[in-house]
């Protein structure tokens, strides 16, 4: 199994930081960036082969690649998304499809969370796909919410649902087993071909609609944040110091 980070996004709501940097390289604790935290977490659970999908300001990641490899004891492979500023992340994730067959623990490059999330996913491995879900926090409209079926597998994943009906929030960390690689890649392809502005979570929904199984792993009471704007960044800076 390998690690993977989706880090192609521009993060326009974080300007001026993202005028010259991708969102994943925005600092959250001194010189420590969101990508630093992601790589540190993956290395701590033994995933030292890491794929990073880059796009917006990809050169900034390329320039730091050697230093990041040395700092965290990882080997980094960069996958380039030349449509990162035009299309959404279903396409970004699909571009890394050749790596899915190795088994992948993927994290979003804009999410700050402790290594307990990776440990939870690895402790609950199954035959298919496993999503890290926060079923503790109070939900609102912006979160990527999930509903489970009677067998406690994913039924629906979308931001567009009544928060009161949701089981919890998907936090941007997924474990993909090798057996699920090809069906997931096919679902992602259908998703971005239908509408390149769709999220990779829409690809998960497509997979479920085709009869695929996606499980969830509750992460417990964990301090984490998806960094979309300056308020989120301030929260990230507070909690990153506690990891």
C-alpha atoms as a PDB file:
ATOM      1  CA  UNK A   1       0.000   0.000   0.000  1.00  0.00           C
ATOM      2  CA  UNK A   2       1.139   3.536  -0.783  1.00  0.00           C
ATOM      3  CA  UNK A   3       0.151   7.040   0.267  1.00  0.00           C
ATOM      4  CA  UNK A   4      -1.411   9.648  -1.970  1.00  0.00           C
ATOM      5  CA  UNK A   5      -2.100  13.374  -1.621  1.00  0.00           C
ATOM      6  CA  UNK A   6      -4.403  15.382  -3.875  1.00  0.00           C
ATOM      7  CA  UNK A   7      -2.628  18.746  -4.062  1.00  0.00           C
ATOM      8  CA  UNK A   8      -3.577  20.247  -7.426  1.00  0.00           C
ATOM      9  CA  UNK A   9      -5.999  22.901  -6.166  1.00  0.00           C
ATOM     10  CA  UNK A  10      -5.500  26.648  -6.393  1.00  0.00           C
ATOM     11  CA  UNK A  11      -7.235  27.682  -3.160  1.00  0.00           C
ATOM     12  CA  UNK A  12      -8.270  31.125  -4.393  1.00  0.00           C
ATOM     13  CA  UNK A  13     -10.026  31.959  -1.134  1.00  0.00           C
ATOM     14  CA  UNK A  14      -6.642  31.796   0.608  1.00  0.00           C
ATOM     15  CA  UNK A  15      -5.023  34.608  -1.358  1.00  0.00           C
ATOM     16  CA  UNK A  16      -2.505  36.195  -1.067  1.00  0.00           C
ATOM     17  CA  UNK A  17      -0.860  32.956   0.194  1.00  0.00           C
ATOM     18  CA  UNK A  18      -1.993  31.108  -2.906  1.00  0.00           C
ATOM     19  CA  UNK A  19      -0.941  33.765  -5.393  1.00  0.00           C
ATOM     20  CA  UNK A  20       2.283  31.792  -5.848  1.00  0.00           C
ATOM     21  CA  UNK A  21       1.646  28.546  -3.941  1.00  0.00           C
ATOM     22  CA  UNK A  22      -0.841  25.672  -4.172  1.00  0.00           C
ATOM     23  CA  UNK A  23      -3.141  25.374  -1.186  1.00  0.00           C
ATOM     24  CA  UNK A  24      -1.201  22.354   0.110  1.00  0.00           C
ATOM     25  CA  UNK A  25       1.909  24.506   0.640  1.00  0.00           C
ATOM     26  CA  UNK A  26       0.224  27.139   2.793  1.00  0.00           C
ATOM     27  CA  UNK A  27       2.016  27.175   6.206  1.00  0.00           C
ATOM     28  CA  UNK A  28      -0.020  26.208   9.271  1.00  0.00           C
ATOM     29  CA  UNK A  29       2.655  25.963  11.983  1.00  0.00           C
ATOM     30  CA  UNK A  30       5.795  28.017  11.399  1.00  0.00           C
ATOM     31  CA  UNK A  31       7.289  26.620   8.200  1.00  0.00           C
ATOM     32  CA  UNK A  32       5.143  23.479   8.430  1.00  0.00           C
ATOM     33  CA  UNK A  33       2.631  23.314   5.581  1.00  0.00           C
ATOM     34  CA  UNK A  34      -0.526  21.281   5.054  1.00  0.00           C
ATOM     35  CA  UNK A  35       1.510  18.979   2.795  1.00  0.00           C
ATOM     36  CA  UNK A  36       4.145  18.547   5.522  1.00  0.00           C
ATOM     37  CA  UNK A  37       1.484  17.303   7.912  1.00  0.00           C
ATOM     38  CA  UNK A  38       0.067  14.918   5.307  1.00  0.00           C
ATOM     39  CA  UNK A  39       3.482  13.449   4.478  1.00  0.00           C
ATOM     40  CA  UNK A  40       4.427  13.166   8.125  1.00  0.00           C
ATOM     41  CA  UNK A  41       1.220  11.261   8.875  1.00  0.00           C
ATOM     42  CA  UNK A  42       1.696   8.867   5.960  1.00  0.00           C
ATOM     43  CA  UNK A  43       5.309   8.213   6.904  1.00  0.00           C
ATOM     44  CA  UNK A  44       4.374   7.576  10.534  1.00  0.00           C
ATOM     45  CA  UNK A  45       2.076   4.703   9.505  1.00  0.00           C
ATOM     46  CA  UNK A  46       4.734   3.220   7.223  1.00  0.00           C
ATOM     47  CA  UNK A  47       3.501   4.512   3.856  1.00  0.00           C
ATOM     48  CA  UNK A  48       6.785   5.819   2.499  1.00  0.00           C
ATOM     49  CA  UNK A  49       5.958   5.590  -1.216  1.00  0.00           C
ATOM     50  CA  UNK A  50       3.756   8.619  -1.865  1.00  0.00           C
ATOM     51  CA  UNK A  51       2.037   9.909  -5.000  1.00  0.00           C
ATOM     52  CA  UNK A  52       1.192  13.615  -5.061  1.00  0.00           C
ATOM     53  CA  UNK A  53      -1.203  14.932  -7.701  1.00  0.00           C
ATOM     54  CA  UNK A  54      -0.082  18.459  -8.547  1.00  0.00           C
ATOM     55  CA  UNK A  55      -1.503  21.124 -10.825  1.00  0.00           C
ATOM     56  CA  UNK A  56      -1.754  24.786  -9.817  1.00  0.00           C
ATOM     57  CA  UNK A  57       1.762  26.138  -9.104  1.00  0.00           C
ATOM     58  CA  UNK A  58       3.118  22.604  -9.470  1.00  0.00           C
ATOM     59  CA  UNK A  59       6.634  23.985  -9.707  1.00  0.00           C
ATOM     60  CA  UNK A  60       6.530  24.963  -6.037  1.00  0.00           C
ATOM     61  CA  UNK A  61       6.027  21.308  -5.063  1.00  0.00           C
ATOM     62  CA  UNK A  62       8.660  20.154  -7.535  1.00  0.00           C
ATOM     63  CA  UNK A  63      11.176  22.558  -6.002  1.00  0.00           C
ATOM     64  CA  UNK A  64      10.568  21.118  -2.516  1.00  0.00           C
ATOM     65  CA  UNK A  65      10.350  17.458  -3.553  1.00  0.00           C
ATOM     66  CA  UNK A  66      13.890  16.450  -2.606  1.00  0.00           C
ATOM     67  CA  UNK A  67      13.748  18.265   0.729  1.00  0.00           C
ATOM     68  CA  UNK A  68      10.383  16.685   1.580  1.00  0.00           C
ATOM     69  CA  UNK A  69      11.684  13.226   0.698  1.00  0.00           C
ATOM     70  CA  UNK A  70      14.678  13.693   2.982  1.00  0.00           C
ATOM     71  CA  UNK A  71      12.682  15.221   5.832  1.00  0.00           C
ATOM     72  CA  UNK A  72      10.050  12.482   5.988  1.00  0.00           C
ATOM     73  CA  UNK A  73      11.949   9.500   4.612  1.00  0.00           C
ATOM     74  CA  UNK A  74       9.556   9.081   1.713  1.00  0.00           C
ATOM     75  CA  UNK A  75       9.834   8.562  -2.029  1.00  0.00           C
ATOM     76  CA  UNK A  76       7.567  10.960  -3.929  1.00  0.00           C
ATOM     77  CA  UNK A  77       6.058  10.469  -7.383  1.00  0.00           C
ATOM     78  CA  UNK A  78       4.400  13.521  -8.905  1.00  0.00           C
ATOM     79  CA  UNK A  79       1.350  13.168 -11.164  1.00  0.00           C
ATOM     80  CA  UNK A  80       0.612  16.320 -13.141  1.00  0.00           C
ATOM     81  CA  UNK A  81      -2.909  17.635 -13.744  1.00  0.00           C
ATOM     82  CA  UNK A  82      -2.752  20.166 -16.567  1.00  0.00           C
ATOM     83  CA  UNK A  83      -6.419  21.025 -16.120  1.00  0.00           C
ATOM     84  CA  UNK A  84      -6.299  21.781 -12.404  1.00  0.00           C
ATOM     85  CA  UNK A  85      -7.451  25.373 -12.875  1.00  0.00           C
ATOM     86  CA  UNK A  86     -10.296  24.396 -15.188  1.00  0.00           C
ATOM     87  CA  UNK A  87     -11.677  21.098 -13.903  1.00  0.00           C
ATOM     88  CA  UNK A  88     -12.525  19.742 -10.466  1.00  0.00           C
ATOM     89  CA  UNK A  89     -10.823  16.987  -8.513  1.00  0.00           C
ATOM     90  CA  UNK A  90     -12.639  13.940  -9.929  1.00  0.00           C
ATOM     91  CA  UNK A  91     -10.244  14.306 -12.840  1.00  0.00           C
ATOM     92  CA  UNK A  92      -7.265  14.818 -10.505  1.00  0.00           C
ATOM     93  CA  UNK A  93      -7.969  11.581  -8.704  1.00  0.00           C
ATOM     94  CA  UNK A  94      -8.553   9.686 -11.954  1.00  0.00           C
ATOM     95  CA  UNK A  95      -5.148  10.771 -13.243  1.00  0.00           C
ATOM     96  CA  UNK A  96      -3.538   8.729 -10.454  1.00  0.00           C
ATOM     97  CA  UNK A  97      -5.527   5.596 -11.325  1.00  0.00           C
ATOM     98  CA  UNK A  98      -2.475   3.513 -12.291  1.00  0.00           C
ATOM     99  CA  UNK A  99      -1.372   3.702  -8.658  1.00  0.00           C
ATOM    100  CA  UNK A 100      -4.694   2.462  -7.197  1.00  0.00           C
ATOM    101  CA  UNK A 101      -3.788  -1.168  -7.908  1.00  0.00           C
ATOM    102  CA  UNK A 102      -1.094  -0.984  -5.215  1.00  0.00           C
ATOM    103  CA  UNK A 103      -3.672  -0.030  -2.604  1.00  0.00           C
ATOM    104  CA  UNK A 104      -3.768   3.606  -1.615  1.00  0.00           C
ATOM    105  CA  UNK A 105      -4.393   5.671   1.486  1.00  0.00           C
ATOM    106  CA  UNK A 106      -5.350   9.018  -0.028  1.00  0.00           C
ATOM    107  CA  UNK A 107      -5.693  12.339   1.765  1.00  0.00           C
ATOM    108  CA  UNK A 108      -6.815  15.725   0.519  1.00  0.00           C
ATOM    109  CA  UNK A 109      -4.081  18.330   0.288  1.00  0.00           C
ATOM    110  CA  UNK A 110      -6.233  20.901   2.063  1.00  0.00           C
ATOM    111  CA  UNK A 111      -7.106  18.936   5.197  1.00  0.00           C
ATOM    112  CA  UNK A 112      -5.249  19.211   8.487  1.00  0.00           C
ATOM    113  CA  UNK A 113      -5.807  16.201  10.724  1.00  0.00           C
ATOM    114  CA  UNK A 114      -3.788  14.086  13.179  1.00  0.00           C
ATOM    115  CA  UNK A 115      -2.225  10.732  12.324  1.00  0.00           C
ATOM    116  CA  UNK A 116      -4.968   8.996  14.296  1.00  0.00           C
ATOM    117  CA  UNK A 117      -7.099   9.281  11.132  1.00  0.00           C
ATOM    118  CA  UNK A 118      -4.641   7.213   9.078  1.00  0.00           C
ATOM    119  CA  UNK A 119      -4.343   4.727  11.939  1.00  0.00           C
ATOM    120  CA  UNK A 120      -8.124   4.369  12.123  1.00  0.00           C
ATOM    121  CA  UNK A 121      -8.397   3.655   8.397  1.00  0.00           C
ATOM    122  CA  UNK A 122      -5.616   1.067   8.452  1.00  0.00           C
ATOM    123  CA  UNK A 123      -7.117  -0.624  11.519  1.00  0.00           C
ATOM    124  CA  UNK A 124     -10.464  -1.084   9.749  1.00  0.00           C
ATOM    125  CA  UNK A 125      -9.290  -2.354   6.372  1.00  0.00           C
ATOM    126  CA  UNK A 126     -11.759  -4.381   4.357  1.00  0.00           C
ATOM    127  CA  UNK A 127     -12.068  -5.666   0.792  1.00  0.00           C
ATOM    128  CA  UNK A 128     -13.139  -2.434  -0.882  1.00  0.00           C
ATOM    129  CA  UNK A 129     -13.036   1.304  -0.083  1.00  0.00           C
ATOM    130  CA  UNK A 130     -13.106   2.910   3.355  1.00  0.00           C
ATOM    131  CA  UNK A 131     -13.886   6.553   4.114  1.00  0.00           C
ATOM    132  CA  UNK A 132     -12.873   8.460   7.252  1.00  0.00           C
ATOM    133  CA  UNK A 133     -16.021  10.074   8.647  1.00  0.00           C
ATOM    134  CA  UNK A 134     -16.594  12.514  11.488  1.00  0.00           C
ATOM    135  CA  UNK A 135     -19.922  11.578  13.065  1.00  0.00           C
ATOM    136  CA  UNK A 136     -19.401  13.793  16.117  1.00  0.00           C
ATOM    137  CA  UNK A 137     -19.376  17.397  14.871  1.00  0.00           C
ATOM    138  CA  UNK A 138     -22.493  19.439  14.208  1.00  0.00           C
ATOM    139  CA  UNK A 139     -23.045  19.689  10.461  1.00  0.00           C
ATOM    140  CA  UNK A 140     -24.080  22.601   8.267  1.00  0.00           C
ATOM    141  CA  UNK A 141     -24.616  23.132   4.539  1.00  0.00           C
ATOM    142  CA  UNK A 142     -20.990  23.243   3.307  1.00  0.00           C
ATOM    143  CA  UNK A 143     -19.811  19.851   4.592  1.00  0.00           C
ATOM    144  CA  UNK A 144     -19.460  16.744   2.410  1.00  0.00           C
ATOM    145  CA  UNK A 145     -22.111  14.693   4.165  1.00  0.00           C
ATOM    146  CA  UNK A 146     -22.843  10.968   4.061  1.00  0.00           C
ATOM    147  CA  UNK A 147     -25.873   8.747   4.555  1.00  0.00           C
ATOM    148  CA  UNK A 148     -25.468   5.010   5.182  1.00  0.00           C
ATOM    149  CA  UNK A 149     -27.634   2.124   4.038  1.00  0.00           C
ATOM    150  CA  UNK A 150     -29.045  -0.572   6.305  1.00  0.00           C
ATOM    151  CA  UNK A 151     -25.781  -2.483   6.087  1.00  0.00           C
ATOM    152  CA  UNK A 152     -23.884   0.622   7.252  1.00  0.00           C
ATOM    153  CA  UNK A 153     -22.213   1.127   3.883  1.00  0.00           C
ATOM    154  CA  UNK A 154     -22.293   4.360   1.939  1.00  0.00           C
ATOM    155  CA  UNK A 155     -25.640   5.160   0.335  1.00  0.00           C
ATOM    156  CA  UNK A 156     -25.270   8.878  -0.430  1.00  0.00           C
ATOM    157  CA  UNK A 157     -22.388  11.349  -0.361  1.00  0.00           C
ATOM    158  CA  UNK A 158     -23.011  15.007  -1.204  1.00  0.00           C
ATOM    159  CA  UNK A 159     -22.989  18.503   0.231  1.00  0.00           C
ATOM    160  CA  UNK A 160     -26.552  18.913  -0.996  1.00  0.00           C
ATOM    161  CA  UNK A 161     -28.567  17.299   1.761  1.00  0.00           C
ATOM    162  CA  UNK A 162     -30.316  18.298   4.956  1.00  0.00           C
ATOM    163  CA  UNK A 163     -27.598  18.093   7.651  1.00  0.00           C
ATOM    164  CA  UNK A 164     -30.088  16.574  10.075  1.00  0.00           C
ATOM    165  CA  UNK A 165     -30.421  13.497   7.837  1.00  0.00           C
ATOM    166  CA  UNK A 166     -26.683  12.804   7.590  1.00  0.00           C
ATOM    167  CA  UNK A 167     -24.665  10.198   9.469  1.00  0.00           C
ATOM    168  CA  UNK A 168     -21.607  12.440   9.449  1.00  0.00           C
ATOM    169  CA  UNK A 169     -19.034  14.290   7.349  1.00  0.00           C
ATOM    170  CA  UNK A 170     -16.447  12.715   5.061  1.00  0.00           C
ATOM    171  CA  UNK A 171     -13.168  14.369   6.074  1.00  0.00           C
ATOM    172  CA  UNK A 172     -11.085  13.858   2.933  1.00  0.00           C
ATOM    173  CA  UNK A 173      -9.217  10.628   3.723  1.00  0.00           C
ATOM    174  CA  UNK A 174      -9.883   7.342   1.895  1.00  0.00           C
ATOM    175  CA  UNK A 175      -8.377   3.878   1.919  1.00  0.00           C
ATOM    176  CA  UNK A 176      -8.656   2.129  -1.470  1.00  0.00           C
ATOM    177  CA  UNK A 177      -7.954  -1.590  -1.634  1.00  0.00           C
ATOM    178  CA  UNK A 178      -6.470  -3.064  -4.841  1.00  0.00           C
ATOM    179  CA  UNK A 179      -9.669  -4.960  -5.678  1.00  0.00           C
ATOM    180  CA  UNK A 180     -11.572  -1.679  -5.880  1.00  0.00           C
ATOM    181  CA  UNK A 181      -9.038   0.045  -8.142  1.00  0.00           C
ATOM    182  CA  UNK A 182     -10.500  -0.657 -11.566  1.00  0.00           C
ATOM    183  CA  UNK A 183     -14.178  -0.111 -10.682  1.00  0.00           C
ATOM    184  CA  UNK A 184     -13.305   3.167  -8.959  1.00  0.00           C
ATOM    185  CA  UNK A 185     -11.227   4.385 -11.906  1.00  0.00           C
ATOM    186  CA  UNK A 186     -14.133   3.607 -14.253  1.00  0.00           C
ATOM    187  CA  UNK A 187     -16.579   5.476 -12.000  1.00  0.00           C
ATOM    188  CA  UNK A 188     -14.287   8.503 -11.771  1.00  0.00           C
ATOM    189  CA  UNK A 189     -13.895   8.564 -15.555  1.00  0.00           C
ATOM    190  CA  UNK A 190     -17.644   8.506 -16.055  1.00  0.00           C
ATOM    191  CA  UNK A 191     -17.953  11.305 -13.496  1.00  0.00           C
ATOM    192  CA  UNK A 192     -15.535  13.797 -15.035  1.00  0.00           C
ATOM    193  CA  UNK A 193     -16.617  12.932 -18.557  1.00  0.00           C
ATOM    194  CA  UNK A 194     -20.220  13.718 -17.632  1.00  0.00           C
ATOM    195  CA  UNK A 195     -19.201  16.988 -15.982  1.00  0.00           C
ATOM    196  CA  UNK A 196     -15.547  17.929 -15.423  1.00  0.00           C
ATOM    197  CA  UNK A 197     -16.601  20.267 -12.592  1.00  0.00           C
ATOM    198  CA  UNK A 198     -17.602  17.337 -10.374  1.00  0.00           C
ATOM    199  CA  UNK A 199     -15.830  16.214  -7.200  1.00  0.00           C
ATOM    200  CA  UNK A 200     -14.193  12.828  -6.747  1.00  0.00           C
ATOM    201  CA  UNK A 201     -16.855  12.198  -4.122  1.00  0.00           C
ATOM    202  CA  UNK A 202     -19.319  12.244  -7.024  1.00  0.00           C
ATOM    203  CA  UNK A 203     -17.229   9.382  -8.379  1.00  0.00           C
ATOM    204  CA  UNK A 204     -17.798   7.535  -5.117  1.00  0.00           C
ATOM    205  CA  UNK A 205     -21.527   8.091  -5.577  1.00  0.00           C
ATOM    206  CA  UNK A 206     -21.300   6.784  -9.139  1.00  0.00           C
ATOM    207  CA  UNK A 207     -19.546   3.668  -7.867  1.00  0.00           C
ATOM    208  CA  UNK A 208     -22.245   3.089  -5.245  1.00  0.00           C
ATOM    209  CA  UNK A 209     -24.958   3.626  -7.862  1.00  0.00           C
ATOM    210  CA  UNK A 210     -23.308   0.870  -9.914  1.00  0.00           C
ATOM    211  CA  UNK A 211     -23.497  -1.524  -6.977  1.00  0.00           C
ATOM    212  CA  UNK A 212     -20.046  -0.939  -5.505  1.00  0.00           C
ATOM    213  CA  UNK A 213     -19.517  -1.059  -1.764  1.00  0.00           C
ATOM    214  CA  UNK A 214     -17.902   1.738   0.220  1.00  0.00           C
ATOM    215  CA  UNK A 215     -17.530   1.415   3.991  1.00  0.00           C
ATOM    216  CA  UNK A 216     -16.980   4.149   6.563  1.00  0.00           C
ATOM    217  CA  UNK A 217     -14.764   4.410   9.635  1.00  0.00           C
ATOM    218  CA  UNK A 218     -15.755   6.920  12.337  1.00  0.00           C
ATOM    219  CA  UNK A 219     -12.697   8.894  13.483  1.00  0.00           C
ATOM    220  CA  UNK A 220     -14.028   9.832  16.927  1.00  0.00           C
ATOM    221  CA  UNK A 221     -13.649  13.216  18.599  1.00  0.00           C
ATOM    222  CA  UNK A 222     -10.715  14.560  16.569  1.00  0.00           C
ATOM    223  CA  UNK A 223      -9.576  18.131  15.941  1.00  0.00           C
ATOM    224  CA  UNK A 224      -9.298  18.579  12.181  1.00  0.00           C
ATOM    225  CA  UNK A 225     -10.200  21.156   9.549  1.00  0.00           C
ATOM    226  CA  UNK A 226     -10.608  21.473   5.799  1.00  0.00           C
ATOM    227  CA  UNK A 227      -8.758  24.666   4.903  1.00  0.00           C
ATOM    228  CA  UNK A 228     -10.901  26.558   2.397  1.00  0.00           C
ATOM    229  CA  UNK A 229     -10.631  30.150   3.646  1.00  0.00           C
ATOM    230  CA  UNK A 230      -8.778  32.372   6.108  1.00  0.00           C
ATOM    231  CA  UNK A 231     -11.010  31.418   9.049  1.00  0.00           C
ATOM    232  CA  UNK A 232     -10.223  27.757   8.388  1.00  0.00           C
ATOM    233  CA  UNK A 233      -6.538  28.617   8.174  1.00  0.00           C
ATOM    234  CA  UNK A 234      -6.614  30.222  11.616  1.00  0.00           C
ATOM    235  CA  UNK A 235      -8.245  27.086  13.025  1.00  0.00           C
ATOM    236  CA  UNK A 236      -5.610  24.939  11.288  1.00  0.00           C
ATOM    237  CA  UNK A 237      -2.875  27.007  12.895  1.00  0.00           C
ATOM    238  CA  UNK A 238      -4.410  26.505  16.335  1.00  0.00           C
ATOM    239  CA  UNK A 239      -4.878  22.768  16.086  1.00  0.00           C
ATOM    240  CA  UNK A 240      -1.683  21.921  14.178  1.00  0.00           C
ATOM    241  CA  UNK A 241       0.329  22.980  17.225  1.00  0.00           C
ATOM    242  CA  UNK A 242      -1.403  20.235  19.255  1.00  0.00           C
ATOM    243  CA  UNK A 243      -0.431  17.307  17.011  1.00  0.00           C
END
